[in-house]
Amino acid sequence: MSGPINRRSLLLALPFLAQPARGQQRARELGIKPGVLPPGKRNAITDVAGVRAGHITLIEGDSIRTGVTAILPHSGNIFQEKVPAAVFVANAFGKLAGSTQVEELGNLETPVILTNTLSVAEGIAGVVEYTLAQPGNEKVLSVNAVVGETNDGFLNDIRRRFVNKEHVIAAIRQAHDGPVEEGAVGAGTGTICFGFKGGIGASSRVLPQSLGGYTVGVLVQTNFGGILQIVGAPVGRELGRFYLKDQLEQAPGGSCMVVAATDAPLDARNLRRLASRAVLGLGQSGSSTSNGSGEYVIAFSTAQRVPMRSKLTSSFTVLSNDAMSPLFQAVKEATEEAVYNSLFMAKTTKGFHDRTVESIPIESVLKILRKYQLIQD
C-alpha cells in the first residue's frame, strides 16, 4: 500500500533515544563482551564522528510489521561530498540496489537505506527525491541510491508494500548522531534471527592510540538462521533451536545487511577488505550464510570527502595494508556484538496471520553462559 505517510507510524518512530523496556538489556550490560577491543562511547555505528542513523517503524493493525532504517556518512550534501565506500557480498541471494556503481567508482553518494524485500523500489524513490531536493543538486540528472533489504514476510504482510517514499525520506531526515535504537524497530521490525525475534543491532570498537585510535562502527539488520553461539557457547544447541535439528526442522534462510563505518583513511580497495571481515563476525554468531540467506556488507570511510567536481588528479592519505589487521579485528568484533544486541533488544512480536516470534530467553542464555564459565555475576 502506498499513499501519505501514516501519522501513527511516525509517532512510533520518534522515541529514538528511548530507554530499553524493562528486562531488555544490551549484550555488554549483561556481561557479554566479545573480543578484546573496547567499544566507543555509545557502542554504536554513530561512534564514528559524523555518522547518523534513523528509523521509521511501521506497525499497523495486526499485519503490518516493517519499517525503514537510514544511515548517513555525514550531515552535509552526500551527493556533492561523497565518501569512499565498498561492498562485499558473502551470498547474493538478495537485493542491494546501487552496489555495482559503488564497486565501480569506489564511493557512496547517498544515504544507505535498509527496508523489506518488496520495498526496495520505494527506498530508491525516497532517496532520489531527497537527493534531488537538496540545495546544490538542482542540475543533478543521475542518483545512485543504495538500498538493501531482508524479507520480513513471516510477521509482515509484505505483499501490501506498505512502505512508501515518504517513510524513507522521514527516516533520512530524522537520522542523527545519538544512540541507536535497537531490536524490533525500523527495518528490523519484522525480522527473525536464529528462530528468535531479530532486528536492528549496533556496536563499535576503538583502536588504541598507538594503532591510530580509529573507530569502527557497525549496524546490522538481522534476519538469518544457523546455530546460534554467543561468545563461543552453543546457545542454540542448548536451547534446542537450531538448523539441522531433527532433519532440517528449522530452515536457515533469511538474510543479513551489515553497514560498517570507520574514520580510518581507507580507499575502496581496503574498505572492501574491511567489509569482508564483517562476515567473520556473522560466522562467530553462528551463521553459515546458507543458500537462501543473502549476506551483504556496505563499508565506508568518513576520513575524507570525494567532491562531485574533482580535479584531473587527486591525492588522498590512506592507511597501508600492514595497518589493516587491527581494523579487521575491530569490524569482526563489532559485527558479532551487533548481532547479539539485535537479539537481546528485540521484543516478542505478533504479526501477520497471528504468527508470533518470541524474543530470545535472556535468563536461559545467561544460565548457559555461566555453565560454560563465559560470564560471571
Protein backbone atom coordinates (compact mmCIF):
# COMPACT_ATOMS: atom_id res chain seq x y z
CA MET A 1 0.00 0.00 0.00
CA SER A 2 1.27 3.44 -0.85
CA GLY A 3 -0.02 6.90 -0.07
CA PRO A 4 0.50 9.66 2.51
CA ILE A 5 2.76 8.93 5.43
CA ASN A 6 0.92 7.33 8.34
CA ARG A 7 0.87 9.60 11.41
CA ARG A 8 0.77 6.68 13.81
CA SER A 9 3.76 5.11 12.07
CA LEU A 10 5.77 8.30 12.53
CA LEU A 11 4.86 8.54 16.18
CA LEU A 12 6.07 5.00 16.72
CA ALA A 13 9.46 6.02 15.34
CA LEU A 14 10.03 9.22 17.29
CA PRO A 15 11.47 7.91 20.60
CA PHE A 16 14.89 7.30 19.02
CA LEU A 17 16.55 7.92 22.37
CA ALA A 18 14.07 5.86 24.38
CA GLN A 19 15.46 3.66 27.13
CA PRO A 20 15.06 -0.13 26.75
CA ALA A 21 11.91 -1.67 28.13
CA ARG A 22 12.24 -3.44 31.47
CA GLY A 23 14.04 -6.72 31.02
CA GLN A 24 15.77 -5.64 27.81
CA GLN A 25 19.48 -5.05 28.02
CA ARG A 26 22.27 -4.93 25.51
CA ALA A 27 24.82 -7.73 25.48
CA ARG A 28 27.53 -5.73 27.24
CA GLU A 29 25.13 -4.73 30.03
CA LEU A 30 24.59 -8.45 30.63
CA GLY A 31 28.32 -9.10 30.93
CA ILE A 32 28.73 -10.39 27.36
CA LYS A 33 31.83 -8.74 25.91
CA PRO A 34 33.01 -10.26 22.62
CA GLY A 35 36.62 -9.75 21.63
CA VAL A 36 39.42 -7.71 23.16
CA LEU A 37 38.96 -4.17 21.85
CA PRO A 38 36.92 -1.55 23.78
CA PRO A 39 33.69 -0.12 22.37
CA GLY A 40 33.10 3.56 21.72
CA LYS A 41 31.02 5.83 23.95
CA ARG A 42 27.67 4.69 22.52
CA ASN A 43 28.84 1.25 21.35
CA ALA A 44 27.11 2.00 18.04
CA ILE A 45 27.79 2.98 14.44
CA THR A 46 27.28 6.61 15.47
CA ASP A 47 30.54 6.48 17.45
CA VAL A 48 32.18 7.23 14.11
CA ALA A 49 32.13 11.02 14.10
CA GLY A 50 29.54 12.47 11.74
CA VAL A 51 27.65 9.24 11.10
CA ARG A 52 23.91 9.47 11.63
CA ALA A 53 21.18 6.83 11.84
CA GLY A 54 17.39 6.93 11.97
CA HIS A 55 14.36 4.64 11.88
CA ILE A 56 10.77 4.72 10.79
CA THR A 57 8.89 1.88 12.48
CA LEU A 58 5.63 0.83 10.80
CA ILE A 59 3.11 -1.04 12.94
CA GLU A 60 -0.43 -1.03 11.60
CA GLY A 61 -3.28 -3.29 12.71
CA ASP A 62 -2.46 -6.97 13.02
CA SER A 63 -0.49 -7.43 9.81
CA ILE A 64 2.00 -4.58 9.17
CA ARG A 65 5.33 -5.09 10.95
CA THR A 66 8.03 -3.41 8.88
CA GLY A 67 9.98 -0.18 8.52
CA VAL A 68 12.94 1.76 7.21
CA THR A 69 16.41 2.40 8.62
CA ALA A 70 18.69 5.12 7.20
CA ILE A 71 22.43 5.51 7.73
CA LEU A 72 24.20 8.72 6.64
CA PRO A 73 28.00 9.09 6.49
CA HIS A 74 27.75 12.80 7.29
CA SER A 75 25.16 15.54 7.71
CA GLY A 76 26.02 17.50 4.57
CA ASN A 77 25.13 17.04 0.93
CA ILE A 78 26.37 13.49 0.38
CA PHE A 79 25.95 13.71 -3.40
CA GLN A 80 28.24 16.74 -3.59
CA GLU A 81 30.66 15.34 -0.99
CA LYS A 82 30.80 11.61 -1.49
CA VAL A 83 32.77 9.23 0.73
CA PRO A 84 34.99 6.25 -0.16
CA ALA A 85 32.98 3.04 0.01
CA ALA A 86 32.89 -0.63 -0.98
CA VAL A 87 30.55 -3.60 -0.97
CA PHE A 88 31.28 -7.21 -0.08
CA VAL A 89 28.80 -9.96 -0.90
CA ALA A 90 29.10 -13.22 1.03
CA ASN A 91 25.96 -14.68 -0.57
CA ALA A 92 23.99 -12.82 -3.23
CA PHE A 93 20.52 -14.24 -2.52
CA GLY A 94 19.06 -10.76 -2.04
CA LYS A 95 18.85 -7.24 -3.37
CA LEU A 96 21.29 -4.40 -2.88
CA ALA A 97 20.40 -1.60 -5.25
CA GLY A 98 23.27 0.66 -6.24
CA SER A 99 26.00 -1.83 -5.40
CA THR A 100 27.53 -2.02 -8.88
CA GLN A 101 28.26 1.71 -9.07
CA VAL A 102 29.81 1.62 -5.59
CA GLU A 103 32.03 -1.23 -6.74
CA GLU A 104 32.94 0.54 -9.98
CA LEU A 105 33.65 4.06 -8.65
CA GLY A 106 34.55 3.27 -5.05
CA ASN A 107 32.34 5.86 -3.39
CA LEU A 108 28.95 6.42 -1.79
CA GLU A 109 26.80 9.40 -2.81
CA THR A 110 23.55 8.81 -0.87
CA PRO A 111 22.32 7.61 2.49
CA VAL A 112 22.22 3.84 2.89
CA ILE A 113 18.63 2.62 3.24
CA LEU A 114 17.51 -0.70 4.73
CA THR A 115 13.94 -1.97 4.40
CA ASN A 116 11.99 -5.09 3.38
CA THR A 117 12.43 -7.10 0.19
CA LEU A 118 9.44 -5.75 -1.75
CA SER A 119 10.09 -2.13 -0.77
CA VAL A 120 13.49 -1.63 -2.40
CA ALA A 121 11.87 0.36 -5.21
CA GLU A 122 10.27 2.70 -2.68
CA GLY A 123 13.64 3.03 -0.99
CA ILE A 124 15.18 4.14 -4.26
CA ALA A 125 12.34 6.58 -4.92
CA GLY A 126 12.72 8.15 -1.48
CA VAL A 127 16.49 8.54 -1.77
CA VAL A 128 16.23 10.03 -5.26
CA GLU A 129 13.57 12.55 -4.21
CA TYR A 130 15.53 13.51 -1.09
CA THR A 131 18.77 13.94 -3.05
CA LEU A 132 17.28 15.95 -5.91
CA ALA A 133 15.64 18.33 -3.42
CA GLN A 134 18.89 19.20 -1.63
CA PRO A 135 20.28 22.69 -2.32
CA GLY A 136 23.12 22.44 -4.82
CA ASN A 137 21.64 19.45 -6.63
CA GLU A 138 19.38 21.40 -8.98
CA LYS A 139 21.20 20.12 -12.09
CA VAL A 140 21.68 16.51 -10.94
CA LEU A 141 20.39 14.01 -13.54
CA SER A 142 21.51 10.70 -12.01
CA VAL A 143 21.46 9.42 -8.43
CA ASN A 144 22.89 6.09 -7.27
CA ALA A 145 20.61 5.14 -4.38
CA VAL A 146 21.99 2.37 -2.16
CA VAL A 147 19.11 0.30 -0.75
CA GLY A 148 19.33 -3.11 0.92
CA GLU A 149 16.72 -5.47 2.28
CA THR A 150 15.74 -8.56 4.20
CA ASN A 151 12.46 -10.43 3.90
CA ASP A 152 10.09 -9.84 6.83
CA GLY A 153 7.15 -11.67 5.22
CA PHE A 154 6.57 -14.05 8.13
CA LEU A 155 5.43 -11.29 10.51
CA ASN A 156 4.63 -8.60 7.96
CA ASP A 157 2.07 -8.63 5.14
CA ILE A 158 4.88 -7.83 2.75
CA ARG A 159 2.70 -8.03 -0.38
CA ARG A 160 0.82 -4.92 0.72
CA ARG A 161 4.02 -2.93 0.12
CA PHE A 162 3.16 -0.57 2.95
CA VAL A 163 6.46 1.31 2.87
CA ASN A 164 6.38 4.43 0.69
CA LYS A 165 8.91 7.05 -0.32
CA GLU A 166 7.68 9.46 2.38
CA HIS A 167 8.66 6.91 5.04
CA VAL A 168 12.13 6.72 3.52
CA ILE A 169 12.56 10.49 3.43
CA ALA A 170 11.33 10.74 7.03
CA ALA A 171 13.90 8.16 8.19
CA ILE A 172 16.67 10.13 6.47
CA ARG A 173 15.55 13.47 7.88
CA GLN A 174 15.26 12.28 11.46
CA ALA A 175 18.61 10.48 11.44
CA HIS A 176 21.08 11.89 13.96
CA ASP A 177 24.27 11.04 15.78
CA GLY A 178 22.79 9.94 19.10
CA PRO A 179 22.32 6.43 20.49
CA VAL A 180 20.84 3.96 18.01
CA GLU A 181 17.55 2.33 18.97
CA GLU A 182 17.80 -1.44 18.54
CA GLY A 183 15.65 -4.53 18.33
CA ALA A 184 12.26 -4.62 16.59
CA VAL A 185 12.50 -1.14 15.12
CA GLY A 186 12.92 0.36 11.66
CA ALA A 187 13.95 -2.19 9.06
CA GLY A 188 14.17 -4.80 11.82
CA THR A 189 10.55 -4.53 12.96
CA GLY A 190 9.51 -7.83 11.38
CA THR A 191 12.75 -9.81 11.13
CA ILE A 192 13.75 -13.14 12.70
CA CYS A 193 17.22 -14.28 13.78
CA PHE A 194 18.18 -17.85 14.75
CA GLY A 195 14.48 -18.58 15.26
CA PHE A 196 14.04 -15.72 17.74
CA LYS A 197 12.94 -12.15 17.19
CA GLY A 198 15.75 -10.31 15.45
CA GLY A 199 16.05 -6.72 14.32
CA ILE A 200 18.48 -3.84 14.34
CA GLY A 201 21.70 -4.10 16.32
CA ALA A 202 24.75 -1.86 16.61
CA SER A 203 28.21 -1.89 18.13
CA SER A 204 31.62 -0.26 17.77
CA ARG A 205 35.29 -0.73 18.53
CA VAL A 206 38.08 1.80 19.13
CA LEU A 207 41.73 1.06 18.37
CA PRO A 208 44.43 2.13 20.83
CA GLN A 209 46.19 5.40 20.02
CA SER A 210 49.36 3.51 19.19
CA LEU A 211 47.45 1.93 16.29
CA GLY A 212 45.84 5.18 15.16
CA GLY A 213 42.94 5.48 17.61
CA TYR A 214 40.47 4.81 14.79
CA THR A 215 36.83 3.83 15.36
CA VAL A 216 34.85 1.16 13.54
CA GLY A 217 31.06 1.18 13.93
CA VAL A 218 28.59 -1.42 12.70
CA LEU A 219 24.82 -1.62 12.25
CA VAL A 220 23.08 -4.88 11.32
CA GLN A 221 19.61 -5.84 10.15
CA THR A 222 19.40 -9.48 11.27
CA ASN A 223 17.05 -11.92 9.57
CA PHE A 224 19.05 -15.12 9.26
CA GLY A 225 19.40 -18.57 10.78
CA GLY A 226 22.00 -21.14 11.68
CA ILE A 227 23.26 -22.44 15.01
CA LEU A 228 23.42 -19.59 17.49
CA GLN A 229 26.52 -19.32 19.58
CA ILE A 230 27.31 -16.47 21.95
CA VAL A 231 30.98 -15.79 22.77
CA GLY A 232 31.61 -19.42 21.89
CA ALA A 233 28.84 -21.04 23.93
CA PRO A 234 26.49 -23.33 21.94
CA VAL A 235 23.38 -21.40 22.92
CA GLY A 236 21.20 -22.57 20.02
CA ARG A 237 22.02 -26.19 20.67
CA GLU A 238 21.42 -25.85 24.40
CA LEU A 239 18.07 -24.16 23.80
CA GLY A 240 17.09 -26.83 21.28
CA ARG A 241 16.51 -24.37 18.45
CA PHE A 242 18.94 -24.65 15.58
CA TYR A 243 19.41 -25.53 11.92
CA LEU A 244 19.64 -29.27 11.10
CA LYS A 245 17.82 -30.26 14.29
CA ASP A 246 15.51 -33.21 13.57
CA GLN A 247 16.25 -33.43 9.85
CA LEU A 248 16.09 -29.84 8.72
CA GLU A 249 13.37 -28.86 11.18
CA GLN A 250 14.44 -25.21 11.01
CA ALA A 251 15.34 -23.58 7.71
CA PRO A 252 18.42 -21.32 7.94
CA GLY A 253 17.42 -18.79 5.27
CA GLY A 254 16.68 -15.12 5.76
CA SER A 255 19.38 -12.52 5.16
CA CYS A 256 21.57 -10.01 6.95
CA MET A 257 22.51 -6.49 5.94
CA VAL A 258 25.64 -5.05 7.55
CA VAL A 259 26.72 -1.41 7.37
CA ALA A 260 30.26 -0.70 8.60
CA ALA A 261 31.63 2.81 9.08
CA THR A 262 35.11 3.95 10.05
CA ASP A 263 37.07 7.17 10.43
CA ALA A 264 40.25 5.39 9.31
CA PRO A 265 41.53 6.80 6.00
CA LEU A 266 40.79 3.87 3.70
CA ASP A 267 40.34 3.67 -0.04
CA ALA A 268 37.73 1.48 -1.72
CA ARG A 269 40.10 -1.48 -2.02
CA ASN A 270 40.82 -1.71 1.68
CA LEU A 271 37.20 -0.88 2.55
CA ARG A 272 36.20 -3.97 0.62
CA ARG A 273 38.73 -5.97 2.61
CA LEU A 274 37.28 -4.49 5.81
CA ALA A 275 33.75 -5.39 4.69
CA SER A 276 34.75 -8.99 4.05
CA ARG A 277 35.91 -9.38 7.65
CA ALA A 278 32.49 -8.33 8.97
CA VAL A 279 31.23 -11.66 7.68
CA LEU A 280 33.55 -13.37 10.16
CA GLY A 281 31.52 -11.72 12.92
CA LEU A 282 28.33 -13.20 11.48
CA GLY A 283 30.04 -16.59 11.41
CA GLN A 284 31.15 -16.16 15.01
CA SER A 285 27.49 -15.74 15.99
CA GLY A 286 26.52 -18.96 14.21
CA SER A 287 25.63 -18.02 10.63
CA SER A 288 26.78 -20.28 7.82
CA THR A 289 25.49 -17.91 5.07
CA SER A 290 23.11 -20.55 3.76
CA ASN A 291 21.75 -20.77 0.23
CA GLY A 292 18.63 -18.72 0.93
CA SER A 293 20.29 -16.11 3.12
CA GLY A 294 21.74 -13.03 1.46
CA GLU A 295 24.68 -11.51 3.34
CA TYR A 296 25.78 -8.05 2.20
CA VAL A 297 28.22 -5.61 3.77
CA ILE A 298 28.49 -1.92 2.84
CA ALA A 299 31.58 -0.23 4.26
CA PHE A 300 32.51 3.45 4.07
CA SER A 301 35.12 5.82 5.46
CA THR A 302 34.39 9.30 6.79
CA ALA A 303 38.05 10.35 6.83
CA GLN A 304 37.86 12.23 3.56
CA ARG A 305 35.33 13.54 1.05
CA VAL A 306 35.24 12.95 -2.69
CA PRO A 307 33.87 16.13 -4.29
CA MET A 308 31.49 15.70 -7.22
CA ARG A 309 33.55 18.09 -9.33
CA SER A 310 37.04 16.75 -8.82
CA LYS A 311 40.25 17.93 -10.40
CA LEU A 312 42.06 16.00 -13.11
CA THR A 313 44.13 14.35 -10.39
CA SER A 314 43.61 13.85 -6.69
CA SER A 315 45.64 12.64 -3.76
CA PHE A 316 44.46 11.08 -0.53
CA THR A 317 46.30 9.81 2.50
CA VAL A 318 45.38 6.17 3.07
CA LEU A 319 46.47 3.51 5.52
CA SER A 320 48.90 0.90 4.34
CA ASN A 321 47.94 -2.74 4.01
CA ASP A 322 50.06 -3.54 7.05
CA ALA A 323 47.89 -1.23 9.19
CA MET A 324 44.66 -3.06 8.35
CA SER A 325 44.80 -6.03 10.71
CA PRO A 326 43.60 -4.17 13.84
CA LEU A 327 40.67 -2.78 11.82
CA PHE A 328 39.81 -6.29 10.65
CA GLN A 329 39.67 -7.40 14.27
CA ALA A 330 37.54 -4.38 15.17
CA VAL A 331 34.91 -4.95 12.49
CA LYS A 332 34.68 -8.65 13.29
CA GLU A 333 34.10 -7.96 16.99
CA ALA A 334 31.64 -5.12 16.39
CA THR A 335 29.59 -7.19 13.95
CA GLU A 336 29.37 -10.11 16.36
CA GLU A 337 28.22 -7.88 19.22
CA ALA A 338 25.75 -6.03 16.97
CA VAL A 339 24.06 -9.37 16.20
CA TYR A 340 23.74 -10.11 19.91
CA ASN A 341 22.29 -6.65 20.55
CA SER A 342 19.71 -7.16 17.80
CA LEU A 343 18.52 -10.26 19.65
CA PHE A 344 18.65 -9.04 23.23
CA MET A 345 16.90 -5.76 22.47
CA ALA A 346 14.07 -7.26 20.40
CA LYS A 347 10.62 -7.79 21.92
CA THR A 348 8.30 -10.73 21.27
CA THR A 349 6.27 -9.73 18.21
CA LYS A 350 2.88 -10.90 16.98
CA GLY A 351 2.00 -10.12 13.40
CA PHE A 352 0.63 -11.38 10.10
CA HIS A 353 -1.75 -14.38 10.28
CA ASP A 354 -1.50 -14.26 14.11
CA ARG A 355 2.07 -15.51 13.93
CA THR A 356 4.25 -14.82 16.95
CA VAL A 357 8.03 -14.81 17.18
CA GLU A 358 9.35 -14.91 20.74
CA SER A 359 12.26 -12.85 21.96
CA ILE A 360 15.36 -14.74 23.00
CA PRO A 361 15.03 -16.05 26.59
CA ILE A 362 17.68 -13.90 28.23
CA GLU A 363 17.78 -15.66 31.60
CA SER A 364 18.19 -19.04 29.92
CA VAL A 365 21.00 -17.65 27.78
CA LEU A 366 22.79 -16.25 30.83
CA LYS A 367 22.46 -19.60 32.59
CA ILE A 368 24.12 -21.29 29.60
CA LEU A 369 26.95 -18.75 29.55
CA ARG A 370 27.55 -19.28 33.27
CA LYS A 371 27.60 -23.01 32.69
CA TYR A 372 30.46 -22.55 30.22
CA GLN A 373 32.13 -20.01 32.53
CA LEU A 374 31.92 -17.27 29.94
CA ILE A 375 30.33 -14.66 32.19
CA GLN A 376 30.23 -14.07 35.91
CA ASP A 377 27.57 -12.48 38.11
